PDB file of all heavy atoms in Angstrom:
ATOM      1  N   GLN A   1     -33.701 -43.135 -29.487  1.00  0.00           N
ATOM      2  CA  GLN A   1     -34.007 -44.591 -29.382  1.00  0.00           C
ATOM      3  C   GLN A   1     -32.763 -45.213 -28.846  1.00  0.00           C
ATOM      4  O   GLN A   1     -31.864 -45.716 -29.623  1.00  0.00           O
ATOM      5  CB  GLN A   1     -34.375 -45.061 -30.788  1.00  0.00           C
ATOM      6  CG  GLN A   1     -35.560 -44.292 -31.399  1.00  0.00           C
ATOM      7  CD  GLN A   1     -36.794 -44.310 -30.560  1.00  0.00           C
ATOM      8  OE1 GLN A   1     -37.438 -45.395 -30.335  1.00  0.00           O
ATOM      9  NE2 GLN A   1     -37.211 -43.182 -30.076  1.00  0.00           N
ATOM     10  N   ALA A   2     -32.646 -45.248 -27.573  1.00  0.00           N
ATOM     11  CA  ALA A   2     -31.453 -45.769 -26.930  1.00  0.00           C
ATOM     12  C   ALA A   2     -31.522 -47.325 -26.811  1.00  0.00           C
ATOM     13  O   ALA A   2     -32.611 -47.878 -26.871  1.00  0.00           O
ATOM     14  CB  ALA A   2     -31.213 -45.139 -25.528  1.00  0.00           C
ATOM     15  N   GLY A   3     -30.363 -47.875 -26.480  1.00  0.00           N
ATOM     16  CA  GLY A   3     -30.370 -49.311 -26.198  1.00  0.00           C
ATOM     17  C   GLY A   3     -30.399 -50.222 -27.419  1.00  0.00           C
ATOM     18  O   GLY A   3     -30.498 -49.738 -28.525  1.00  0.00           O
ATOM     19  N   TYR A   4     -30.352 -51.476 -27.161  1.00  0.00           N
ATOM     20  CA  TYR A   4     -30.188 -52.485 -28.240  1.00  0.00           C
ATOM     21  C   TYR A   4     -30.878 -53.692 -27.618  1.00  0.00           C
ATOM     22  O   TYR A   4     -30.448 -54.333 -26.674  1.00  0.00           O
ATOM     23  CB  TYR A   4     -28.740 -52.701 -28.502  1.00  0.00           C
ATOM     24  CG  TYR A   4     -28.448 -53.542 -29.773  1.00  0.00           C
ATOM     25  CD1 TYR A   4     -29.365 -53.727 -30.752  1.00  0.00           C
ATOM     26  CD2 TYR A   4     -27.140 -54.211 -29.837  1.00  0.00           C
ATOM     27  CE1 TYR A   4     -28.954 -54.498 -31.866  1.00  0.00           C
ATOM     28  CE2 TYR A   4     -26.856 -54.885 -30.925  1.00  0.00           C
ATOM     29  CZ  TYR A   4     -27.742 -55.055 -31.981  1.00  0.00           C
ATOM     30  OH  TYR A   4     -27.444 -55.780 -33.116  1.00  0.00           O
ATOM     31  N   LEU A   5     -32.013 -54.133 -28.257  1.00  0.00           N
ATOM     32  CA  LEU A   5     -32.837 -55.175 -27.639  1.00  0.00           C
ATOM     33  C   LEU A   5     -32.289 -56.607 -27.969  1.00  0.00           C
ATOM     34  O   LEU A   5     -32.160 -57.437 -27.079  1.00  0.00           O
ATOM     35  CB  LEU A   5     -34.286 -55.027 -28.091  1.00  0.00           C
ATOM     36  CG  LEU A   5     -34.968 -53.793 -27.688  1.00  0.00           C
ATOM     37  CD1 LEU A   5     -36.444 -53.769 -28.211  1.00  0.00           C
ATOM     38  CD2 LEU A   5     -34.974 -53.538 -26.232  1.00  0.00           C
ATOM     39  N   TYR A   6     -32.069 -56.808 -29.237  1.00  0.00           N
ATOM     40  CA  TYR A   6     -31.705 -58.155 -29.602  1.00  0.00           C
ATOM     41  C   TYR A   6     -30.958 -58.186 -30.943  1.00  0.00           C
ATOM     42  O   TYR A   6     -31.446 -57.601 -31.941  1.00  0.00           O
ATOM     43  CB  TYR A   6     -32.956 -59.000 -29.713  1.00  0.00           C
ATOM     44  CG  TYR A   6     -32.747 -60.497 -29.983  1.00  0.00           C
ATOM     45  CD1 TYR A   6     -31.645 -61.166 -29.540  1.00  0.00           C
ATOM     46  CD2 TYR A   6     -33.689 -61.231 -30.691  1.00  0.00           C
ATOM     47  CE1 TYR A   6     -31.490 -62.535 -29.675  1.00  0.00           C
ATOM     48  CE2 TYR A   6     -33.607 -62.602 -30.957  1.00  0.00           C
ATOM     49  CZ  TYR A   6     -32.429 -63.275 -30.426  1.00  0.00           C
ATOM     50  OH  TYR A   6     -32.226 -64.577 -30.664  1.00  0.00           O
ATOM     51  N   HIS A   7     -29.759 -58.768 -30.960  1.00  0.00           N
ATOM     52  CA  HIS A   7     -28.857 -58.683 -32.178  1.00  0.00           C
ATOM     53  C   HIS A   7     -29.454 -59.384 -33.355  1.00  0.00           C
ATOM     54  O   HIS A   7     -28.902 -59.204 -34.462  1.00  0.00           O
ATOM     55  CB  HIS A   7     -27.518 -59.142 -31.796  1.00  0.00           C
ATOM     56  CG  HIS A   7     -27.356 -60.615 -31.377  1.00  0.00           C
ATOM     57  ND1 HIS A   7     -27.717 -61.069 -30.174  1.00  0.00           N
ATOM     58  CD2 HIS A   7     -26.951 -61.684 -32.086  1.00  0.00           C
ATOM     59  CE1 HIS A   7     -27.498 -62.337 -30.094  1.00  0.00           C
ATOM     60  NE2 HIS A   7     -26.995 -62.745 -31.292  1.00  0.00           N
ATOM     61  N   HIS A   8     -30.444 -60.210 -33.223  1.00  0.00           N
ATOM     62  CA  HIS A   8     -31.036 -60.954 -34.365  1.00  0.00           C
ATOM     63  C   HIS A   8     -32.301 -60.227 -34.906  1.00  0.00           C
ATOM     64  O   HIS A   8     -32.992 -60.739 -35.715  1.00  0.00           O
ATOM     65  CB  HIS A   8     -31.420 -62.375 -34.034  1.00  0.00           C
ATOM     66  CG  HIS A   8     -30.177 -63.231 -33.884  1.00  0.00           C
ATOM     67  ND1 HIS A   8     -29.376 -63.553 -34.951  1.00  0.00           N
ATOM     68  CD2 HIS A   8     -29.675 -63.914 -32.831  1.00  0.00           C
ATOM     69  CE1 HIS A   8     -28.410 -64.350 -34.601  1.00  0.00           C
ATOM     70  NE2 HIS A   8     -28.508 -64.552 -33.271  1.00  0.00           N
ATOM     71  N   GLN A   9     -32.558 -58.975 -34.482  1.00  0.00           N
ATOM     72  CA  GLN A   9     -33.662 -58.216 -34.943  1.00  0.00           C
ATOM     73  C   GLN A   9     -33.264 -56.700 -35.019  1.00  0.00           C
ATOM     74  O   GLN A   9     -32.247 -56.274 -34.457  1.00  0.00           O
ATOM     75  CB  GLN A   9     -34.863 -58.340 -33.964  1.00  0.00           C
ATOM     76  CG  GLN A   9     -35.450 -59.785 -33.954  1.00  0.00           C
ATOM     77  CD  GLN A   9     -36.679 -59.840 -33.165  1.00  0.00           C
ATOM     78  OE1 GLN A   9     -37.133 -60.994 -32.854  1.00  0.00           O
ATOM     79  NE2 GLN A   9     -37.369 -58.836 -32.875  1.00  0.00           N
ATOM     80  N   GLY A  10     -34.042 -56.056 -35.739  1.00  0.00           N
ATOM     81  CA  GLY A  10     -33.803 -54.591 -35.902  1.00  0.00           C
ATOM     82  C   GLY A  10     -34.171 -53.787 -34.587  1.00  0.00           C
ATOM     83  O   GLY A  10     -34.915 -54.294 -33.757  1.00  0.00           O
ATOM     84  N   ARG A  11     -33.639 -52.620 -34.461  1.00  0.00           N
ATOM     85  CA  ARG A  11     -33.890 -51.865 -33.249  1.00  0.00           C
ATOM     86  C   ARG A  11     -34.681 -50.524 -33.532  1.00  0.00           C
ATOM     87  O   ARG A  11     -35.098 -49.823 -32.599  1.00  0.00           O
ATOM     88  CB  ARG A  11     -32.646 -51.544 -32.528  1.00  0.00           C
ATOM     89  CG  ARG A  11     -31.851 -50.345 -33.039  1.00  0.00           C
ATOM     90  CD  ARG A  11     -30.549 -50.116 -32.241  1.00  0.00           C
ATOM     91  NE  ARG A  11     -29.899 -48.886 -32.626  1.00  0.00           N
ATOM     92  CZ  ARG A  11     -29.976 -47.733 -32.008  1.00  0.00           C
ATOM     93  NH1 ARG A  11     -30.707 -47.630 -30.845  1.00  0.00           N
ATOM     94  NH2 ARG A  11     -29.279 -46.666 -32.420  1.00  0.00           N
ATOM     95  N   VAL A  12     -34.847 -50.206 -34.825  1.00  0.00           N
ATOM     96  CA  VAL A  12     -35.642 -48.973 -35.195  1.00  0.00           C
ATOM     97  C   VAL A  12     -36.977 -49.337 -35.694  1.00  0.00           C
ATOM     98  O   VAL A  12     -37.088 -49.991 -36.770  1.00  0.00           O
ATOM     99  CB  VAL A  12     -34.836 -48.202 -36.250  1.00  0.00           C
ATOM    100  CG1 VAL A  12     -35.521 -46.936 -36.607  1.00  0.00           C
ATOM    101  CG2 VAL A  12     -33.401 -47.836 -35.765  1.00  0.00           C
ATOM    102  N   ASN A  13     -38.036 -48.952 -34.964  1.00  0.00           N
ATOM    103  CA  ASN A  13     -39.400 -49.247 -35.369  1.00  0.00           C
ATOM    104  C   ASN A  13     -40.117 -47.934 -35.538  1.00  0.00           C
ATOM    105  O   ASN A  13     -40.329 -47.152 -34.606  1.00  0.00           O
ATOM    106  CB  ASN A  13     -40.082 -50.069 -34.213  1.00  0.00           C
ATOM    107  CG  ASN A  13     -39.349 -51.384 -33.930  1.00  0.00           C
ATOM    108  OD1 ASN A  13     -39.145 -52.109 -34.864  1.00  0.00           O
ATOM    109  ND2 ASN A  13     -38.970 -51.664 -32.693  1.00  0.00           N
ATOM    110  N   VAL A  14     -40.609 -47.730 -36.739  1.00  0.00           N
ATOM    111  CA  VAL A  14     -41.290 -46.458 -37.156  1.00  0.00           C
ATOM    112  C   VAL A  14     -42.262 -46.721 -38.235  1.00  0.00           C
ATOM    113  O   VAL A  14     -42.052 -47.650 -39.132  1.00  0.00           O
ATOM    114  CB  VAL A  14     -40.275 -45.409 -37.584  1.00  0.00           C
ATOM    115  CG1 VAL A  14     -39.480 -45.805 -38.773  1.00  0.00           C
ATOM    116  CG2 VAL A  14     -40.913 -44.051 -37.746  1.00  0.00           C
ATOM    117  N   GLU A  15     -43.439 -46.113 -38.254  1.00  0.00           N
ATOM    118  CA  GLU A  15     -44.437 -46.207 -39.194  1.00  0.00           C
ATOM    119  C   GLU A  15     -44.359 -45.133 -40.281  1.00  0.00           C
ATOM    120  O   GLU A  15     -44.447 -43.995 -40.007  1.00  0.00           O
ATOM    121  CB  GLU A  15     -45.822 -46.094 -38.456  1.00  0.00           C
ATOM    122  CG  GLU A  15     -47.010 -45.969 -39.458  1.00  0.00           C
ATOM    123  CD  GLU A  15     -47.067 -47.114 -40.437  1.00  0.00           C
ATOM    124  OE1 GLU A  15     -46.997 -48.293 -40.001  1.00  0.00           O
ATOM    125  OE2 GLU A  15     -47.073 -46.897 -41.657  1.00  0.00           O
ATOM    126  N   PRO A  16     -44.049 -45.586 -41.530  1.00  0.00           N
ATOM    127  CA  PRO A  16     -43.853 -44.608 -42.632  1.00  0.00           C
ATOM    128  C   PRO A  16     -44.993 -43.660 -42.838  1.00  0.00           C
ATOM    129  O   PRO A  16     -44.755 -42.558 -43.320  1.00  0.00           O
ATOM    130  CB  PRO A  16     -43.596 -45.513 -43.817  1.00  0.00           C
ATOM    131  CG  PRO A  16     -43.082 -46.812 -43.259  1.00  0.00           C
ATOM    132  CD  PRO A  16     -43.851 -46.962 -41.990  1.00  0.00           C
ATOM    133  N   GLU A  17     -46.273 -44.051 -42.615  1.00  0.00           N
ATOM    134  CA  GLU A  17     -47.389 -43.182 -42.859  1.00  0.00           C
ATOM    135  C   GLU A  17     -47.320 -41.935 -42.089  1.00  0.00           C
ATOM    136  O   GLU A  17     -47.925 -40.855 -42.425  1.00  0.00           O
ATOM    137  CB  GLU A  17     -48.679 -43.905 -42.513  1.00  0.00           C
ATOM    138  CG  GLU A  17     -48.975 -45.047 -43.359  1.00  0.00           C
ATOM    139  CD  GLU A  17     -49.355 -44.694 -44.774  1.00  0.00           C
ATOM    140  OE1 GLU A  17     -49.672 -43.574 -45.054  1.00  0.00           O
ATOM    141  OE2 GLU A  17     -49.282 -45.594 -45.716  1.00  0.00           O
ATOM    142  N   LEU A  18     -46.600 -41.878 -40.929  1.00  0.00           N
ATOM    143  CA  LEU A  18     -46.606 -40.722 -40.069  1.00  0.00           C
ATOM    144  C   LEU A  18     -45.350 -39.809 -40.296  1.00  0.00           C
ATOM    145  O   LEU A  18     -45.274 -38.798 -39.661  1.00  0.00           O
ATOM    146  CB  LEU A  18     -46.479 -41.214 -38.545  1.00  0.00           C
ATOM    147  CG  LEU A  18     -47.684 -42.214 -38.140  1.00  0.00           C
ATOM    148  CD1 LEU A  18     -47.470 -42.596 -36.683  1.00  0.00           C
ATOM    149  CD2 LEU A  18     -49.076 -41.474 -38.353  1.00  0.00           C
ATOM    150  N   ILE A  19     -44.424 -40.317 -41.169  1.00  0.00           N
ATOM    151  CA  ILE A  19     -43.167 -39.567 -41.290  1.00  0.00           C
ATOM    152  C   ILE A  19     -43.347 -38.321 -42.080  1.00  0.00           C
ATOM    153  O   ILE A  19     -43.820 -38.306 -43.278  1.00  0.00           O
ATOM    154  CB  ILE A  19     -42.080 -40.441 -41.876  1.00  0.00           C
ATOM    155  CG1 ILE A  19     -41.770 -41.541 -40.882  1.00  0.00           C
ATOM    156  CG2 ILE A  19     -40.819 -39.711 -42.202  1.00  0.00           C
ATOM    157  CD1 ILE A  19     -40.786 -42.604 -41.454  1.00  0.00           C
ATOM    158  N   LYS A  20     -42.786 -37.237 -41.629  1.00  0.00           N
ATOM    159  CA  LYS A  20     -42.758 -35.996 -42.380  1.00  0.00           C
ATOM    160  C   LYS A  20     -41.470 -35.885 -43.161  1.00  0.00           C
ATOM    161  O   LYS A  20     -41.482 -35.497 -44.302  1.00  0.00           O
ATOM    162  CB  LYS A  20     -42.818 -34.747 -41.411  1.00  0.00           C
ATOM    163  CG  LYS A  20     -42.803 -33.410 -42.088  1.00  0.00           C
ATOM    164  CD  LYS A  20     -42.956 -32.288 -41.143  1.00  0.00           C
ATOM    165  CE  LYS A  20     -42.954 -30.925 -41.775  1.00  0.00           C
ATOM    166  NZ  LYS A  20     -43.158 -29.816 -40.846  1.00  0.00           N
ATOM    167  N   ASN A  21     -40.367 -36.193 -42.537  1.00  0.00           N
ATOM    168  CA  ASN A  21     -39.111 -36.313 -43.208  1.00  0.00           C
ATOM    169  C   ASN A  21     -38.111 -37.142 -42.369  1.00  0.00           C
ATOM    170  O   ASN A  21     -38.336 -37.332 -41.159  1.00  0.00           O
ATOM    171  CB  ASN A  21     -38.519 -34.954 -43.629  1.00  0.00           C
ATOM    172  CG  ASN A  21     -38.202 -34.151 -42.363  1.00  0.00           C
ATOM    173  OD1 ASN A  21     -37.535 -34.547 -41.479  1.00  0.00           O
ATOM    174  ND2 ASN A  21     -38.762 -32.902 -42.338  1.00  0.00           N
ATOM    175  N   VAL A  22     -37.064 -37.570 -43.013  1.00  0.00           N
ATOM    176  CA  VAL A  22     -35.946 -38.276 -42.416  1.00  0.00           C
ATOM    177  C   VAL A  22     -34.650 -37.671 -42.839  1.00  0.00           C
ATOM    178  O   VAL A  22     -34.459 -37.333 -43.990  1.00  0.00           O
ATOM    179  CB  VAL A  22     -35.930 -39.807 -42.852  1.00  0.00           C
ATOM    180  CG1 VAL A  22     -34.921 -40.552 -41.973  1.00  0.00           C
ATOM    181  CG2 VAL A  22     -37.293 -40.469 -42.764  1.00  0.00           C
ATOM    182  N   VAL A  23     -33.724 -37.433 -41.933  1.00  0.00           N
ATOM    183  CA  VAL A  23     -32.397 -36.955 -42.236  1.00  0.00           C
ATOM    184  C   VAL A  23     -31.422 -37.857 -41.677  1.00  0.00           C
ATOM    185  O   VAL A  23     -31.443 -38.192 -40.522  1.00  0.00           O
ATOM    186  CB  VAL A  23     -32.246 -35.464 -41.598  1.00  0.00           C
ATOM    187  CG1 VAL A  23     -30.801 -35.031 -41.895  1.00  0.00           C
ATOM    188  CG2 VAL A  23     -33.210 -34.451 -42.302  1.00  0.00           C
ATOM    189  N   VAL A  24     -30.524 -38.334 -42.551  1.00  0.00           N
ATOM    190  CA  VAL A  24     -29.445 -39.215 -42.166  1.00  0.00           C
ATOM    191  C   VAL A  24     -28.161 -38.409 -42.298  1.00  0.00           C
ATOM    192  O   VAL A  24     -27.878 -37.809 -43.294  1.00  0.00           O
ATOM    193  CB  VAL A  24     -29.379 -40.449 -43.048  1.00  0.00           C
ATOM    194  CG1 VAL A  24     -28.260 -41.445 -42.647  1.00  0.00           C
ATOM    195  CG2 VAL A  24     -30.758 -41.166 -43.006  1.00  0.00           C
ATOM    196  N   LYS A  25     -27.340 -38.457 -41.168  1.00  0.00           N
ATOM    197  CA  LYS A  25     -26.035 -37.793 -41.263  1.00  0.00           C
ATOM    198  C   LYS A  25     -24.967 -38.832 -40.953  1.00  0.00           C
ATOM    199  O   LYS A  25     -24.993 -39.536 -39.917  1.00  0.00           O
ATOM    200  CB  LYS A  25     -25.968 -36.719 -40.141  1.00  0.00           C
ATOM    201  CG  LYS A  25     -27.072 -35.713 -40.272  1.00  0.00           C
ATOM    202  CD  LYS A  25     -26.943 -34.728 -39.154  1.00  0.00           C
ATOM    203  CE  LYS A  25     -28.046 -33.679 -39.229  1.00  0.00           C
ATOM    204  NZ  LYS A  25     -28.014 -32.673 -38.152  1.00  0.00           N
ATOM    205  N   ALA A  26     -24.030 -39.015 -41.921  1.00  0.00           N
ATOM    206  CA  ALA A  26     -23.038 -40.032 -41.809  1.00  0.00           C
ATOM    207  C   ALA A  26     -21.698 -39.499 -41.330  1.00  0.00           C
ATOM    208  O   ALA A  26     -21.332 -38.419 -41.663  1.00  0.00           O
ATOM    209  CB  ALA A  26     -22.834 -40.696 -43.214  1.00  0.00           C
ATOM    210  N   GLY A  27     -21.126 -40.326 -40.440  1.00  0.00           N
ATOM    211  CA  GLY A  27     -19.790 -39.906 -39.965  1.00  0.00           C
ATOM    212  C   GLY A  27     -19.931 -39.070 -38.696  1.00  0.00           C
ATOM    213  O   GLY A  27     -20.872 -38.336 -38.512  1.00  0.00           O
ATOM    214  N   ALA A  28     -18.988 -39.205 -37.782  1.00  0.00           N
ATOM    215  CA  ALA A  28     -19.017 -38.392 -36.578  1.00  0.00           C
ATOM    216  C   ALA A  28     -18.933 -36.888 -37.058  1.00  0.00           C
ATOM    217  O   ALA A  28     -18.213 -36.554 -37.895  1.00  0.00           O
ATOM    218  CB  ALA A  28     -17.778 -38.685 -35.714  1.00  0.00           C
ATOM    219  N   GLY A  29     -19.829 -36.006 -36.432  1.00  0.00           N
ATOM    220  CA  GLY A  29     -19.925 -34.748 -36.942  1.00  0.00           C
ATOM    221  C   GLY A  29     -20.414 -33.648 -35.957  1.00  0.00           C
ATOM    222  O   GLY A  29     -19.769 -33.423 -34.938  1.00  0.00           O
ATOM    223  N   ASN A  30     -21.513 -33.145 -36.147  1.00  0.00           N
ATOM    224  CA  ASN A  30     -22.094 -31.990 -35.427  1.00  0.00           C
ATOM    225  C   ASN A  30     -22.133 -32.278 -33.943  1.00  0.00           C
ATOM    226  O   ASN A  30     -22.646 -33.298 -33.485  1.00  0.00           O
ATOM    227  CB  ASN A  30     -23.457 -31.697 -35.984  1.00  0.00           C
ATOM    228  CG  ASN A  30     -23.978 -30.360 -35.597  1.00  0.00           C
ATOM    229  OD1 ASN A  30     -24.060 -30.042 -34.287  1.00  0.00           O
ATOM    230  ND2 ASN A  30     -24.405 -29.508 -36.471  1.00  0.00           N
ATOM    231  N   ALA A  31     -21.740 -31.270 -33.147  1.00  0.00           N
ATOM    232  CA  ALA A  31     -21.799 -31.380 -31.648  1.00  0.00           C
ATOM    233  C   ALA A  31     -23.190 -31.458 -31.125  1.00  0.00           C
ATOM    234  O   ALA A  31     -23.416 -31.884 -29.986  1.00  0.00           O
ATOM    235  CB  ALA A  31     -21.030 -30.154 -31.039  1.00  0.00           C
ATOM    236  N   ALA A  32     -24.202 -30.965 -31.900  1.00  0.00           N
ATOM    237  CA  ALA A  32     -25.562 -30.863 -31.495  1.00  0.00           C
ATOM    238  C   ALA A  32     -26.377 -32.154 -31.886  1.00  0.00           C
ATOM    239  O   ALA A  32     -27.544 -32.171 -31.726  1.00  0.00           O
ATOM    240  CB  ALA A  32     -26.258 -29.667 -32.068  1.00  0.00           C
ATOM    241  N   ASP A  33     -25.691 -33.161 -32.408  1.00  0.00           N
ATOM    242  CA  ASP A  33     -26.407 -34.358 -32.992  1.00  0.00           C
ATOM    243  C   ASP A  33     -26.723 -35.342 -31.886  1.00  0.00           C
ATOM    244  O   ASP A  33     -27.351 -36.379 -32.198  1.00  0.00           O
ATOM    245  CB  ASP A  33     -25.537 -35.033 -33.976  1.00  0.00           C
ATOM    246  CG  ASP A  33     -26.023 -34.645 -35.383  1.00  0.00           C
ATOM    247  OD1 ASP A  33     -27.114 -34.156 -35.527  1.00  0.00           O
ATOM    248  OD2 ASP A  33     -25.193 -34.901 -36.365  1.00  0.00           O
ATOM    249  N   GLY A  34     -26.430 -35.123 -30.636  1.00  0.00           N
ATOM    250  CA  GLY A  34     -26.807 -36.045 -29.573  1.00  0.00           C
ATOM    251  C   GLY A  34     -25.706 -37.004 -29.114  1.00  0.00           C
ATOM    252  O   GLY A  34     -24.704 -37.190 -29.832  1.00  0.00           O
ATOM    253  N   ALA A  35     -25.946 -37.561 -27.961  1.00  0.00           N
ATOM    254  CA  ALA A  35     -24.963 -38.516 -27.355  1.00  0.00           C
ATOM    255  C   ALA A  35     -24.806 -39.762 -28.208  1.00  0.00           C
ATOM    256  O   ALA A  35     -25.739 -40.342 -28.721  1.00  0.00           O
ATOM    257  CB  ALA A  35     -25.432 -38.890 -25.976  1.00  0.00           C
TER     258      ALA A  35
END
């Protein structure tokens, strides 16, 4: 989910009914975590 649309609104839009799992990784870390 690249980019930033508007600083007065959120940028992550997802429907909880469809989620299998969420993983949050804090801090700069794994090389495979994406750009």
